[in-house]
């Protein structure tokens, strides 16, 4: 019998320490704001696109990892007011990013996500 060893990461709310690190949080928000100036998407769409591409750096599971991660992203963004407009002010955008990251922390605390580190 052959067994394959697979490295698995358990992503919980603890990696989201970016919420406690103002500099990292401000850097992440600044990067997300760059996307806001490039197009006319809703703010939540801009933030979701940013987090799907850069979330791993912030302690989020990679969005392409598995179905559980896709459901996590869907749950978080369903909880957030999806009607928010791309024209919101920078301070509101910052609050929205923080709110979304806090929702991820809540969801991950309740339901940690398992990811294959090799895939």
PDB file of N, CA and C in Angstrom:
ATOM      1  N   UNK A   1       0.825  -1.168   0.000  1.00  0.00           N
ATOM      2  CA  UNK A   1       0.000   0.000   0.000  1.00  0.00           C
ATOM      3  C   UNK A   1       0.886   1.254   0.000  1.00  0.00           C
ATOM      4  N   UNK A   2       0.659   2.153  -0.934  1.00  0.00           N
ATOM      5  CA  UNK A   2       1.410   3.401  -0.993  1.00  0.00           C
ATOM      6  C   UNK A   2       0.583   4.522  -0.379  1.00  0.00           C
ATOM      7  N   UNK A   3       1.255   5.338   0.371  1.00  0.00           N
ATOM      8  CA  UNK A   3       0.604   6.493   0.964  1.00  0.00           C
ATOM      9  C   UNK A   3       1.289   7.757   0.457  1.00  0.00           C
ATOM     10  N   UNK A   4       0.496   8.741   0.201  1.00  0.00           N
ATOM     11  CA  UNK A   4       1.021  10.033  -0.227  1.00  0.00           C
ATOM     12  C   UNK A   4       0.937  10.997   0.947  1.00  0.00           C
ATOM     13  N   UNK A   5       2.034  11.679   1.196  1.00  0.00           N
ATOM     14  CA  UNK A   5       2.048  12.664   2.261  1.00  0.00           C
ATOM     15  C   UNK A   5       1.645  14.006   1.655  1.00  0.00           C
ATOM     16  N   UNK A   6       0.663  14.594   2.256  1.00  0.00           N
ATOM     17  CA  UNK A   6       0.165  15.882   1.786  1.00  0.00           C
ATOM     18  C   UNK A   6       0.267  16.865   2.944  1.00  0.00           C
ATOM     19  N   UNK A   7       0.917  17.998   2.695  1.00  0.00           N
ATOM     20  CA  UNK A   7       0.984  19.024   3.724  1.00  0.00           C
ATOM     21  C   UNK A   7      -0.314  19.811   3.694  1.00  0.00           C
ATOM     22  N   UNK A   8      -0.933  19.931   4.860  1.00  0.00           N
ATOM     23  CA  UNK A   8      -2.200  20.640   4.963  1.00  0.00           C
ATOM     24  C   UNK A   8      -2.040  21.766   5.976  1.00  0.00           C
ATOM     25  N   UNK A   9      -2.541  22.919   5.610  1.00  0.00           N
ATOM     26  CA  UNK A   9      -2.552  24.054   6.532  1.00  0.00           C
ATOM     27  C   UNK A   9      -3.973  24.239   7.042  1.00  0.00           C
ATOM     28  N   UNK A  10      -4.071  24.556   8.319  1.00  0.00           N
ATOM     29  CA  UNK A  10      -5.368  24.906   8.892  1.00  0.00           C
ATOM     30  C   UNK A  10      -5.355  26.416   9.031  1.00  0.00           C
ATOM     31  N   UNK A  11      -6.226  27.067   8.281  1.00  0.00           N
ATOM     32  CA  UNK A  11      -6.293  28.531   8.314  1.00  0.00           C
ATOM     33  C   UNK A  11      -7.403  28.914   9.274  1.00  0.00           C
ATOM     34  N   UNK A  12      -7.025  29.565  10.362  1.00  0.00           N
ATOM     35  CA  UNK A  12      -8.023  30.038  11.320  1.00  0.00           C
ATOM     36  C   UNK A  12      -7.914  31.546  11.422  1.00  0.00           C
ATOM     37  N   UNK A  13      -8.577  32.118  12.406  1.00  0.00           N
ATOM     38  CA  UNK A  13      -8.584  33.573  12.552  1.00  0.00           C
ATOM     39  C   UNK A  13      -7.244  34.126  13.017  1.00  0.00           C
ATOM     40  N   UNK A  14      -6.374  33.313  13.594  1.00  0.00           N
ATOM     41  CA  UNK A  14      -5.111  33.808  14.140  1.00  0.00           C
ATOM     42  C   UNK A  14      -4.190  34.426  13.090  1.00  0.00           C
ATOM     43  N   UNK A  15      -4.115  33.900  11.868  1.00  0.00           N
ATOM     44  CA  UNK A  15      -3.221  34.540  10.893  1.00  0.00           C
ATOM     45  C   UNK A  15      -3.644  35.953  10.514  1.00  0.00           C
ATOM     46  N   UNK A  16      -4.856  36.339  10.834  1.00  0.00           N
ATOM     47  CA  UNK A  16      -5.309  37.672  10.454  1.00  0.00           C
ATOM     48  C   UNK A  16      -4.809  38.726  11.443  1.00  0.00           C
ATOM     49  N   UNK A  17      -3.572  38.576  11.830  1.00  0.00           N
ATOM     50  CA  UNK A  17      -2.951  39.529  12.741  1.00  0.00           C
ATOM     51  C   UNK A  17      -2.727  40.866  12.057  1.00  0.00           C
ATOM     52  N   UNK A  18      -2.952  40.931  10.754  1.00  0.00           N
ATOM     53  CA  UNK A  18      -2.851  42.184  10.020  1.00  0.00           C
ATOM     54  C   UNK A  18      -3.811  43.208  10.627  1.00  0.00           C
ATOM     55  N   UNK A  19      -4.887  42.739  11.234  1.00  0.00           N
ATOM     56  CA  UNK A  19      -5.841  43.652  11.867  1.00  0.00           C
ATOM     57  C   UNK A  19      -5.222  44.367  13.062  1.00  0.00           C
ATOM     58  N   UNK A  20      -4.244  43.728  13.705  1.00  0.00           N
ATOM     59  CA  UNK A  20      -3.585  44.325  14.863  1.00  0.00           C
ATOM     60  C   UNK A  20      -2.347  45.129  14.472  1.00  0.00           C
ATOM     61  N   UNK A  21      -1.916  45.002  13.232  1.00  0.00           N
ATOM     62  CA  UNK A  21      -0.716  45.694  12.759  1.00  0.00           C
ATOM     63  C   UNK A  21      -1.146  46.824  11.823  1.00  0.00           C
ATOM     64  N   UNK A  22      -1.207  48.030  12.356  1.00  0.00           N
ATOM     65  CA  UNK A  22      -1.709  49.173  11.577  1.00  0.00           C
ATOM     66  C   UNK A  22      -0.929  49.404  10.289  1.00  0.00           C
ATOM     67  N   UNK A  23       0.398  49.231  10.327  1.00  0.00           N
ATOM     68  CA  UNK A  23       1.203  49.479   9.131  1.00  0.00           C
ATOM     69  C   UNK A  23       0.843  48.488   8.028  1.00  0.00           C
ATOM     70  N   UNK A  24       0.778  47.193   8.373  1.00  0.00           N
ATOM     71  CA  UNK A  24       0.409  46.183   7.364  1.00  0.00           C
ATOM     72  C   UNK A  24      -1.007  46.420   6.850  1.00  0.00           C
ATOM     73  N   UNK A  25      -1.895  46.775   7.753  1.00  0.00           N
ATOM     74  CA  UNK A  25      -3.273  47.032   7.356  1.00  0.00           C
ATOM     75  C   UNK A  25      -3.335  48.236   6.421  1.00  0.00           C
ATOM     76  N   UNK A  26      -2.637  49.305   6.761  1.00  0.00           N
ATOM     77  CA  UNK A  26      -2.619  50.497   5.901  1.00  0.00           C
ATOM     78  C   UNK A  26      -1.994  50.198   4.548  1.00  0.00           C
ATOM     79  N   UNK A  27      -0.934  49.371   4.519  1.00  0.00           N
ATOM     80  CA  UNK A  27      -0.315  48.978   3.243  1.00  0.00           C
ATOM     81  C   UNK A  27      -1.309  48.200   2.384  1.00  0.00           C
ATOM     82  N   UNK A  28      -2.036  47.268   3.012  1.00  0.00           N
ATOM     83  CA  UNK A  28      -3.027  46.467   2.282  1.00  0.00           C
ATOM     84  C   UNK A  28      -4.140  47.356   1.743  1.00  0.00           C
ATOM     85  N   UNK A  29      -4.592  48.303   2.558  1.00  0.00           N
ATOM     86  CA  UNK A  29      -5.657  49.207   2.127  1.00  0.00           C
ATOM     87  C   UNK A  29      -5.176  50.085   0.974  1.00  0.00           C
ATOM     88  N   UNK A  30      -3.934  50.554   1.056  1.00  0.00           N
ATOM     89  CA  UNK A  30      -3.382  51.387  -0.020  1.00  0.00           C
ATOM     90  C   UNK A  30      -3.342  50.611  -1.338  1.00  0.00           C
ATOM     91  N   UNK A  31      -2.953  49.335  -1.270  1.00  0.00           N
ATOM     92  CA  UNK A  31      -2.925  48.501  -2.480  1.00  0.00           C
ATOM     93  C   UNK A  31      -4.338  48.310  -3.029  1.00  0.00           C
ATOM     94  N   UNK A  32      -5.293  48.059  -2.147  1.00  0.00           N
ATOM     95  CA  UNK A  32      -6.682  47.870  -2.579  1.00  0.00           C
ATOM     96  C   UNK A  32      -7.227  49.160  -3.188  1.00  0.00           C
ATOM     97  N   UNK A  33      -6.845  50.299  -2.627  1.00  0.00           N
ATOM     98  CA  UNK A  33      -7.302  51.592  -3.148  1.00  0.00           C
ATOM     99  C   UNK A  33      -6.805  51.839  -4.562  1.00  0.00           C
ATOM    100  N   UNK A  34      -5.657  51.291  -4.916  1.00  0.00           N
ATOM    101  CA  UNK A  34      -5.143  51.439  -6.279  1.00  0.00           C
ATOM    102  C   UNK A  34      -6.136  50.848  -7.277  1.00  0.00           C
ATOM    103  N   UNK A  35      -6.751  49.747  -6.925  1.00  0.00           N
ATOM    104  CA  UNK A  35      -7.760  49.130  -7.788  1.00  0.00           C
ATOM    105  C   UNK A  35      -9.004  49.993  -7.907  1.00  0.00           C
ATOM    106  N   UNK A  36      -9.306  50.743  -6.863  1.00  0.00           N
ATOM    107  CA  UNK A  36     -10.486  51.615  -6.858  1.00  0.00           C
ATOM    108  C   UNK A  36     -10.358  52.709  -7.904  1.00  0.00           C
ATOM    109  N   UNK A  37      -9.148  53.187  -8.102  1.00  0.00           N
ATOM    110  CA  UNK A  37      -8.941  54.282  -9.042  1.00  0.00           C
ATOM    111  C   UNK A  37      -8.862  53.811 -10.491  1.00  0.00           C
ATOM    112  N   UNK A  38      -8.723  52.500 -10.698  1.00  0.00           N
ATOM    113  CA  UNK A  38      -8.564  51.972 -12.056  1.00  0.00           C
ATOM    114  C   UNK A  38      -9.884  51.667 -12.751  1.00  0.00           C
ATOM    115  N   UNK A  39     -10.946  51.461 -11.978  1.00  0.00           N
ATOM    116  CA  UNK A  39     -12.199  51.059 -12.626  1.00  0.00           C
ATOM    117  C   UNK A  39     -13.402  51.549 -11.830  1.00  0.00           C
ATOM    118  N   UNK A  40     -14.583  51.266 -12.350  1.00  0.00           N
ATOM    119  CA  UNK A  40     -15.810  51.735 -11.721  1.00  0.00           C
ATOM    120  C   UNK A  40     -16.599  50.626 -11.037  1.00  0.00           C
ATOM    121  N   UNK A  41     -15.909  49.610 -10.545  1.00  0.00           N
ATOM    122  CA  UNK A  41     -16.582  48.533  -9.832  1.00  0.00           C
ATOM    123  C   UNK A  41     -17.087  49.030  -8.482  1.00  0.00           C
ATOM    124  N   UNK A  42     -18.005  48.265  -7.898  1.00  0.00           N
ATOM    125  CA  UNK A  42     -18.430  48.539  -6.529  1.00  0.00           C
ATOM    126  C   UNK A  42     -17.231  48.303  -5.607  1.00  0.00           C
ATOM    127  N   UNK A  43     -17.221  48.986  -4.494  1.00  0.00           N
ATOM    128  CA  UNK A  43     -16.112  48.862  -3.544  1.00  0.00           C
ATOM    129  C   UNK A  43     -15.920  47.422  -3.083  1.00  0.00           C
ATOM    130  N   UNK A  44     -17.020  46.728  -2.816  1.00  0.00           N
ATOM    131  CA  UNK A  44     -16.891  45.351  -2.350  1.00  0.00           C
ATOM    132  C   UNK A  44     -16.276  44.454  -3.426  1.00  0.00           C
ATOM    133  N   UNK A  45     -16.570  44.723  -4.689  1.00  0.00           N
ATOM    134  CA  UNK A  45     -15.978  43.944  -5.784  1.00  0.00           C
ATOM    135  C   UNK A  45     -14.481  44.209  -5.884  1.00  0.00           C
ATOM    136  N   UNK A  46     -14.085  45.462  -5.715  1.00  0.00           N
ATOM    137  CA  UNK A  46     -12.670  45.833  -5.761  1.00  0.00           C
ATOM    138  C   UNK A  46     -11.922  45.134  -4.635  1.00  0.00           C
ATOM    139  N   UNK A  47     -12.514  45.167  -3.440  1.00  0.00           N
ATOM    140  CA  UNK A  47     -11.860  44.552  -2.275  1.00  0.00           C
ATOM    141  C   UNK A  47     -11.792  43.047  -2.436  1.00  0.00           C
ATOM    142  N   UNK A  48     -12.866  42.443  -2.929  1.00  0.00           N
ATOM    143  CA  UNK A  48     -12.840  40.982  -3.118  1.00  0.00           C
ATOM    144  C   UNK A  48     -11.771  40.602  -4.141  1.00  0.00           C
ATOM    145  N   UNK A  49     -11.714  41.318  -5.254  1.00  0.00           N
ATOM    146  CA  UNK A  49     -10.670  41.039  -6.255  1.00  0.00           C
ATOM    147  C   UNK A  49      -9.285  41.141  -5.631  1.00  0.00           C
ATOM    148  N   UNK A  50      -9.072  42.194  -4.847  1.00  0.00           N
ATOM    149  CA  UNK A  50      -7.777  42.396  -4.196  1.00  0.00           C
ATOM    150  C   UNK A  50      -7.459  41.246  -3.246  1.00  0.00           C
ATOM    151  N   UNK A  51      -8.431  40.872  -2.403  1.00  0.00           N
ATOM    152  CA  UNK A  51      -8.187  39.806  -1.423  1.00  0.00           C
ATOM    153  C   UNK A  51      -7.998  38.448  -2.084  1.00  0.00           C
ATOM    154  N   UNK A  52      -8.710  38.185  -3.179  1.00  0.00           N
ATOM    155  CA  UNK A  52      -8.525  36.918  -3.876  1.00  0.00           C
ATOM    156  C   UNK A  52      -7.116  36.820  -4.459  1.00  0.00           C
ATOM    157  N   UNK A  53      -6.551  37.941  -4.870  1.00  0.00           N
ATOM    158  CA  UNK A  53      -5.200  37.946  -5.445  1.00  0.00           C
ATOM    159  C   UNK A  53      -4.115  38.050  -4.389  1.00  0.00           C
ATOM    160  N   UNK A  54      -4.371  38.754  -3.285  1.00  0.00           N
ATOM    161  CA  UNK A  54      -3.335  39.070  -2.299  1.00  0.00           C
ATOM    162  C   UNK A  54      -3.637  38.581  -0.889  1.00  0.00           C
ATOM    163  N   UNK A  55      -4.733  37.879  -0.714  1.00  0.00           N
ATOM    164  CA  UNK A  55      -5.159  37.472   0.624  1.00  0.00           C
ATOM    165  C   UNK A  55      -4.172  36.601   1.366  1.00  0.00           C
ATOM    166  N   UNK A  56      -3.429  35.786   0.640  1.00  0.00           N
ATOM    167  CA  UNK A  56      -2.479  34.882   1.287  1.00  0.00           C
ATOM    168  C   UNK A  56      -1.447  35.675   2.104  1.00  0.00           C
ATOM    169  N   UNK A  57      -1.042  36.836   1.584  1.00  0.00           N
ATOM    170  CA  UNK A  57      -0.095  37.699   2.296  1.00  0.00           C
ATOM    171  C   UNK A  57      -0.690  38.237   3.598  1.00  0.00           C
ATOM    172  N   UNK A  58      -2.004  38.292   3.664  1.00  0.00           N
ATOM    173  CA  UNK A  58      -2.693  38.819   4.836  1.00  0.00           C
ATOM    174  C   UNK A  58      -3.144  37.714   5.787  1.00  0.00           C
ATOM    175  N   UNK A  59      -2.856  36.469   5.447  1.00  0.00           N
ATOM    176  CA  UNK A  59      -3.239  35.344   6.293  1.00  0.00           C
ATOM    177  C   UNK A  59      -4.534  34.680   5.893  1.00  0.00           C
ATOM    178  N   UNK A  60      -5.082  35.071   4.752  1.00  0.00           N
ATOM    179  CA  UNK A  60      -6.306  34.433   4.258  1.00  0.00           C
ATOM    180  C   UNK A  60      -5.939  33.214   3.426  1.00  0.00           C
ATOM    181  N   UNK A  61      -6.830  32.217   3.376  1.00  0.00           N
ATOM    182  CA  UNK A  61      -6.553  31.072   2.517  1.00  0.00           C
ATOM    183  C   UNK A  61      -6.617  31.485   1.050  1.00  0.00           C
ATOM    184  N   UNK A  62      -5.813  30.839   0.185  1.00  0.00           N
ATOM    185  CA  UNK A  62      -5.867  31.173  -1.244  1.00  0.00           C
ATOM    186  C   UNK A  62      -7.262  30.889  -1.792  1.00  0.00           C
ATOM    187  N   UNK A  63      -7.796  31.825  -2.560  1.00  0.00           N
ATOM    188  CA  UNK A  63      -9.181  31.711  -3.025  1.00  0.00           C
ATOM    189  C   UNK A  63      -9.401  30.514  -3.931  1.00  0.00           C
ATOM    190  N   UNK A  64      -8.333  30.039  -4.574  1.00  0.00           N
ATOM    191  CA  UNK A  64      -8.478  28.895  -5.475  1.00  0.00           C
ATOM    192  C   UNK A  64      -8.230  27.563  -4.768  1.00  0.00           C
ATOM    193  N   UNK A  65      -8.037  27.575  -3.451  1.00  0.00           N
ATOM    194  CA  UNK A  65      -7.651  26.369  -2.710  1.00  0.00           C
ATOM    195  C   UNK A  65      -8.679  25.237  -2.820  1.00  0.00           C
ATOM    196  N   UNK A  66      -9.918  25.526  -2.516  1.00  0.00           N
ATOM    197  CA  UNK A  66     -10.958  24.496  -2.583  1.00  0.00           C
ATOM    198  C   UNK A  66     -12.335  25.142  -2.432  1.00  0.00           C
ATOM    199  N   UNK A  67     -13.357  24.321  -2.496  1.00  0.00           N
ATOM    200  CA  UNK A  67     -14.728  24.822  -2.444  1.00  0.00           C
ATOM    201  C   UNK A  67     -15.039  25.507  -1.117  1.00  0.00           C
ATOM    202  N   UNK A  68     -14.448  25.007  -0.022  1.00  0.00           N
ATOM    203  CA  UNK A  68     -14.697  25.610   1.287  1.00  0.00           C
ATOM    204  C   UNK A  68     -14.221  27.064   1.324  1.00  0.00           C
ATOM    205  N   UNK A  69     -13.133  27.347   0.648  1.00  0.00           N
ATOM    206  CA  UNK A  69     -12.597  28.714   0.620  1.00  0.00           C
ATOM    207  C   UNK A  69     -13.502  29.614  -0.214  1.00  0.00           C
ATOM    208  N   UNK A  70     -13.984  29.094  -1.325  1.00  0.00           N
ATOM    209  CA  UNK A  70     -14.918  29.866  -2.161  1.00  0.00           C
ATOM    210  C   UNK A  70     -16.175  30.191  -1.356  1.00  0.00           C
ATOM    211  N   UNK A  71     -16.670  29.214  -0.607  1.00  0.00           N
ATOM    212  CA  UNK A  71     -17.853  29.445   0.234  1.00  0.00           C
ATOM    213  C   UNK A  71     -17.559  30.458   1.336  1.00  0.00           C
ATOM    214  N   UNK A  72     -16.332  30.431   1.863  1.00  0.00           N
ATOM    215  CA  UNK A  72     -15.928  31.408   2.877  1.00  0.00           C
ATOM    216  C   UNK A  72     -15.991  32.822   2.306  1.00  0.00           C
ATOM    217  N   UNK A  73     -15.393  33.024   1.142  1.00  0.00           N
ATOM    218  CA  UNK A  73     -15.426  34.341   0.490  1.00  0.00           C
ATOM    219  C   UNK A  73     -16.866  34.768   0.228  1.00  0.00           C
ATOM    220  N   UNK A  74     -17.687  33.835  -0.284  1.00  0.00           N
ATOM    221  CA  UNK A  74     -19.092  34.151  -0.558  1.00  0.00           C
ATOM    222  C   UNK A  74     -19.825  34.551   0.720  1.00  0.00           C
ATOM    223  N   UNK A  75     -19.584  33.828   1.813  1.00  0.00           N
ATOM    224  CA  UNK A  75     -20.255  34.126   3.083  1.00  0.00           C
ATOM    225  C   UNK A  75     -19.866  35.505   3.600  1.00  0.00           C
ATOM    226  N   UNK A  76     -18.583  35.822   3.535  1.00  0.00           N
ATOM    227  CA  UNK A  76     -18.117  37.117   4.029  1.00  0.00           C
ATOM    228  C   UNK A  76     -18.721  38.256   3.213  1.00  0.00           C
ATOM    229  N   UNK A  77     -18.677  38.128   1.908  1.00  0.00           N
ATOM    230  CA  UNK A  77     -19.150  39.227   1.070  1.00  0.00           C
ATOM    231  C   UNK A  77     -20.667  39.301   0.988  1.00  0.00           C
ATOM    232  N   UNK A  78     -21.356  38.214   1.334  1.00  0.00           N
ATOM    233  CA  UNK A  78     -22.809  38.264   1.428  1.00  0.00           C
ATOM    234  C   UNK A  78     -23.200  39.034   2.681  1.00  0.00           C
ATOM    235  N   UNK A  79     -22.408  38.867   3.750  1.00  0.00           N
ATOM    236  CA  UNK A  79     -22.661  39.580   5.008  1.00  0.00           C
ATOM    237  C   UNK A  79     -22.466  41.084   4.865  1.00  0.00           C
ATOM    238  N   UNK A  80     -21.567  41.489   4.002  1.00  0.00           N
ATOM    239  CA  UNK A  80     -21.246  42.904   3.830  1.00  0.00           C
ATOM    240  C   UNK A  80     -22.252  43.513   2.841  1.00  0.00           C
ATOM    241  N   UNK A  81     -22.592  44.734   3.037  1.00  0.00           N
ATOM    242  CA  UNK A  81     -23.533  45.415   2.143  1.00  0.00           C
ATOM    243  C   UNK A  81     -22.946  45.485   0.742  1.00  0.00           C
ATOM    244  N   UNK A  82     -23.441  44.668  -0.156  1.00  0.00           N
ATOM    245  CA  UNK A  82     -22.906  44.607  -1.518  1.00  0.00           C
ATOM    246  C   UNK A  82     -23.306  45.800  -2.367  1.00  0.00           C
ATOM    247  N   UNK A  83     -24.177  46.629  -1.864  1.00  0.00           N
ATOM    248  CA  UNK A  83     -24.626  47.785  -2.627  1.00  0.00           C
ATOM    249  C   UNK A  83     -23.710  48.991  -2.496  1.00  0.00           C
ATOM    250  N   UNK A  84     -22.639  48.854  -1.734  1.00  0.00           N
ATOM    251  CA  UNK A  84     -21.750  50.008  -1.562  1.00  0.00           C
ATOM    252  C   UNK A  84     -21.115  50.366  -2.887  1.00  0.00           C
ATOM    253  N   UNK A  85     -21.008  51.612  -3.103  1.00  0.00           N
ATOM    254  CA  UNK A  85     -20.633  52.192  -4.375  1.00  0.00           C
ATOM    255  C   UNK A  85     -19.136  52.479  -4.424  1.00  0.00           C
ATOM    256  N   UNK A  86     -18.550  52.435  -5.600  1.00  0.00           N
ATOM    257  CA  UNK A  86     -17.126  52.716  -5.770  1.00  0.00           C
ATOM    258  C   UNK A  86     -16.800  54.168  -5.468  1.00  0.00           C
ATOM    259  N   UNK A  87     -17.793  55.004  -5.371  1.00  0.00           N
ATOM    260  CA  UNK A  87     -17.542  56.426  -5.152  1.00  0.00           C
ATOM    261  C   UNK A  87     -17.411  56.781  -3.678  1.00  0.00           C
ATOM    262  N   UNK A  88     -17.425  55.800  -2.775  1.00  0.00           N
ATOM    263  CA  UNK A  88     -17.286  56.134  -1.364  1.00  0.00           C
ATOM    264  C   UNK A  88     -15.918  56.748  -1.110  1.00  0.00           C
ATOM    265  N   UNK A  89     -15.857  57.572  -0.102  1.00  0.00           N
ATOM    266  CA  UNK A  89     -14.624  58.278   0.242  1.00  0.00           C
ATOM    267  C   UNK A  89     -13.571  57.299   0.752  1.00  0.00           C
ATOM    268  N   UNK A  90     -12.324  57.749   0.730  1.00  0.00           N
ATOM    269  CA  UNK A  90     -11.209  56.900   1.145  1.00  0.00           C
ATOM    270  C   UNK A  90     -11.369  56.398   2.583  1.00  0.00           C
ATOM    271  N   UNK A  91     -11.825  57.255   3.500  1.00  0.00           N
ATOM    272  CA  UNK A  91     -12.013  56.827   4.890  1.00  0.00           C
ATOM    273  C   UNK A  91     -13.057  55.720   4.995  1.00  0.00           C
ATOM    274  N   UNK A  92     -14.150  55.846   4.228  1.00  0.00           N
ATOM    275  CA  UNK A  92     -15.184  54.804   4.215  1.00  0.00           C
ATOM    276  C   UNK A  92     -14.634  53.508   3.623  1.00  0.00           C
ATOM    277  N   UNK A  93     -13.820  53.632   2.582  1.00  0.00           N
ATOM    278  CA  UNK A  93     -13.211  52.467   1.943  1.00  0.00           C
ATOM    279  C   UNK A  93     -12.322  51.743   2.950  1.00  0.00           C
ATOM    280  N   UNK A  94     -11.532  52.505   3.722  1.00  0.00           N
ATOM    281  CA  UNK A  94     -10.661  51.926   4.756  1.00  0.00           C
ATOM    282  C   UNK A  94     -11.491  51.169   5.790  1.00  0.00           C
ATOM    283  N   UNK A  95     -12.594  51.781   6.231  1.00  0.00           N
ATOM    284  CA  UNK A  95     -13.477  51.124   7.206  1.00  0.00           C
ATOM    285  C   UNK A  95     -14.056  49.837   6.630  1.00  0.00           C
ATOM    286  N   UNK A  96     -14.402  49.875   5.354  1.00  0.00           N
ATOM    287  CA  UNK A  96     -14.983  48.710   4.694  1.00  0.00           C
ATOM    288  C   UNK A  96     -13.969  47.562   4.613  1.00  0.00           C
ATOM    289  N   UNK A  97     -12.717  47.868   4.269  1.00  0.00           N
ATOM    290  CA  UNK A  97     -11.675  46.824   4.224  1.00  0.00           C
ATOM    291  C   UNK A  97     -11.517  46.201   5.606  1.00  0.00           C
ATOM    292  N   UNK A  98     -11.435  47.048   6.635  1.00  0.00           N
ATOM    293  CA  UNK A  98     -11.292  46.538   8.008  1.00  0.00           C
ATOM    294  C   UNK A  98     -12.488  45.663   8.379  1.00  0.00           C
ATOM    295  N   UNK A  99     -13.696  46.115   8.044  1.00  0.00           N
ATOM    296  CA  UNK A  99     -14.918  45.363   8.344  1.00  0.00           C
ATOM    297  C   UNK A  99     -14.893  43.991   7.663  1.00  0.00           C
ATOM    298  N   UNK A 100     -14.459  43.964   6.416  1.00  0.00           N
ATOM    299  CA  UNK A 100     -14.392  42.698   5.677  1.00  0.00           C
ATOM    300  C   UNK A 100     -13.364  41.763   6.298  1.00  0.00           C
ATOM    301  N   UNK A 101     -12.196  42.283   6.661  1.00  0.00           N
ATOM    302  CA  UNK A 101     -11.174  41.442   7.300  1.00  0.00           C
ATOM    303  C   UNK A 101     -11.657  40.926   8.658  1.00  0.00           C
ATOM    304  N   UNK A 102     -12.400  41.736   9.383  1.00  0.00           N
ATOM    305  CA  UNK A 102     -12.970  41.281  10.660  1.00  0.00           C
ATOM    306  C   UNK A 102     -13.982  40.157  10.431  1.00  0.00           C
ATOM    307  N   UNK A 103     -14.762  40.268   9.349  1.00  0.00           N
ATOM    308  CA  UNK A 103     -15.720  39.195   9.011  1.00  0.00           C
ATOM    309  C   UNK A 103     -14.983  37.899   8.688  1.00  0.00           C
ATOM    310  N   UNK A 104     -13.857  38.015   7.949  1.00  0.00           N
ATOM    311  CA  UNK A 104     -13.053  36.823   7.673  1.00  0.00           C
ATOM    312  C   UNK A 104     -12.580  36.207   8.981  1.00  0.00           C
ATOM    313  N   UNK A 105     -12.100  37.028   9.909  1.00  0.00           N
ATOM    314  CA  UNK A 105     -11.617  36.511  11.197  1.00  0.00           C
ATOM    315  C   UNK A 105     -12.740  35.792  11.945  1.00  0.00           C
ATOM    316  N   UNK A 106     -13.936  36.380  11.959  1.00  0.00           N
ATOM    317  CA  UNK A 106     -15.088  35.749  12.615  1.00  0.00           C
ATOM    318  C   UNK A 106     -15.417  34.403  11.971  1.00  0.00           C
ATOM    319  N   UNK A 107     -15.496  34.393  10.634  1.00  0.00           N
ATOM    320  CA  UNK A 107     -15.834  33.164   9.909  1.00  0.00           C
ATOM    321  C   UNK A 107     -14.781  32.079  10.130  1.00  0.00           C
ATOM    322  N   UNK A 108     -13.501  32.477  10.099  1.00  0.00           N
ATOM    323  CA  UNK A 108     -12.424  31.500  10.267  1.00  0.00           C
ATOM    324  C   UNK A 108     -12.346  30.995  11.695  1.00  0.00           C
ATOM    325  N   UNK A 109     -12.735  31.821  12.662  1.00  0.00           N
ATOM    326  CA  UNK A 109     -12.764  31.364  14.043  1.00  0.00           C
ATOM    327  C   UNK A 109     -13.846  30.298  14.207  1.00  0.00           C
ATOM    328  N   UNK A 110     -14.988  30.511  13.600  1.00  0.00           N
ATOM    329  CA  UNK A 110     -16.101  29.574  13.693  1.00  0.00           C
ATOM    330  C   UNK A 110     -15.863  28.321  12.853  1.00  0.00           C
ATOM    331  N   UNK A 111     -15.227  28.504  11.686  1.00  0.00           N
ATOM    332  CA  UNK A 111     -15.020  27.391  10.743  1.00  0.00           C
ATOM    333  C   UNK A 111     -13.640  27.481  10.106  1.00  0.00           C
ATOM    334  N   UNK A 112     -12.605  26.948  10.766  1.00  0.00           N
ATOM    335  CA  UNK A 112     -11.275  26.976  10.147  1.00  0.00           C
ATOM    336  C   UNK A 112     -11.298  26.249   8.789  1.00  0.00           C
ATOM    337  N   UNK A 113     -10.431  26.672   7.888  1.00  0.00           N
ATOM    338  CA  UNK A 113     -10.382  26.115   6.554  1.00  0.00           C
ATOM    339  C   UNK A 113      -9.102  25.298   6.408  1.00  0.00           C
ATOM    340  N   UNK A 114      -9.203  24.143   5.776  1.00  0.00           N
ATOM    341  CA  UNK A 114      -8.055  23.272   5.542  1.00  0.00           C
ATOM    342  C   UNK A 114      -7.626  23.416   4.089  1.00  0.00           C
ATOM    343  N   UNK A 115      -6.322  23.641   3.876  1.00  0.00           N
ATOM    344  CA  UNK A 115      -5.810  23.835   2.521  1.00  0.00           C
ATOM    345  C   UNK A 115      -4.598  22.950   2.295  1.00  0.00           C
ATOM    346  N   UNK A 116      -4.499  22.410   1.104  1.00  0.00           N
ATOM    347  CA  UNK A 116      -3.318  21.658   0.669  1.00  0.00           C
ATOM    348  C   UNK A 116      -2.218  22.656   0.358  1.00  0.00           C
ATOM    349  N   UNK A 117      -1.090  22.576   1.063  1.00  0.00           N
ATOM    350  CA  UNK A 117       0.003  23.527   0.858  1.00  0.00           C
ATOM    351  C   UNK A 117       0.703  23.315  -0.471  1.00  0.00           C
ATOM    352  N   UNK A 118       0.608  22.112  -1.039  1.00  0.00           N
ATOM    353  CA  UNK A 118       1.268  21.821  -2.305  1.00  0.00           C
ATOM    354  C   UNK A 118       0.436  22.254  -3.517  1.00  0.00           C
ATOM    355  N   UNK A 119      -0.844  22.429  -3.312  1.00  0.00           N
ATOM    356  CA  UNK A 119      -1.712  22.678  -4.453  1.00  0.00           C
ATOM    357  C   UNK A 119      -2.222  24.034  -4.479  1.00  0.00           C
TER     358      UNK A 119
END
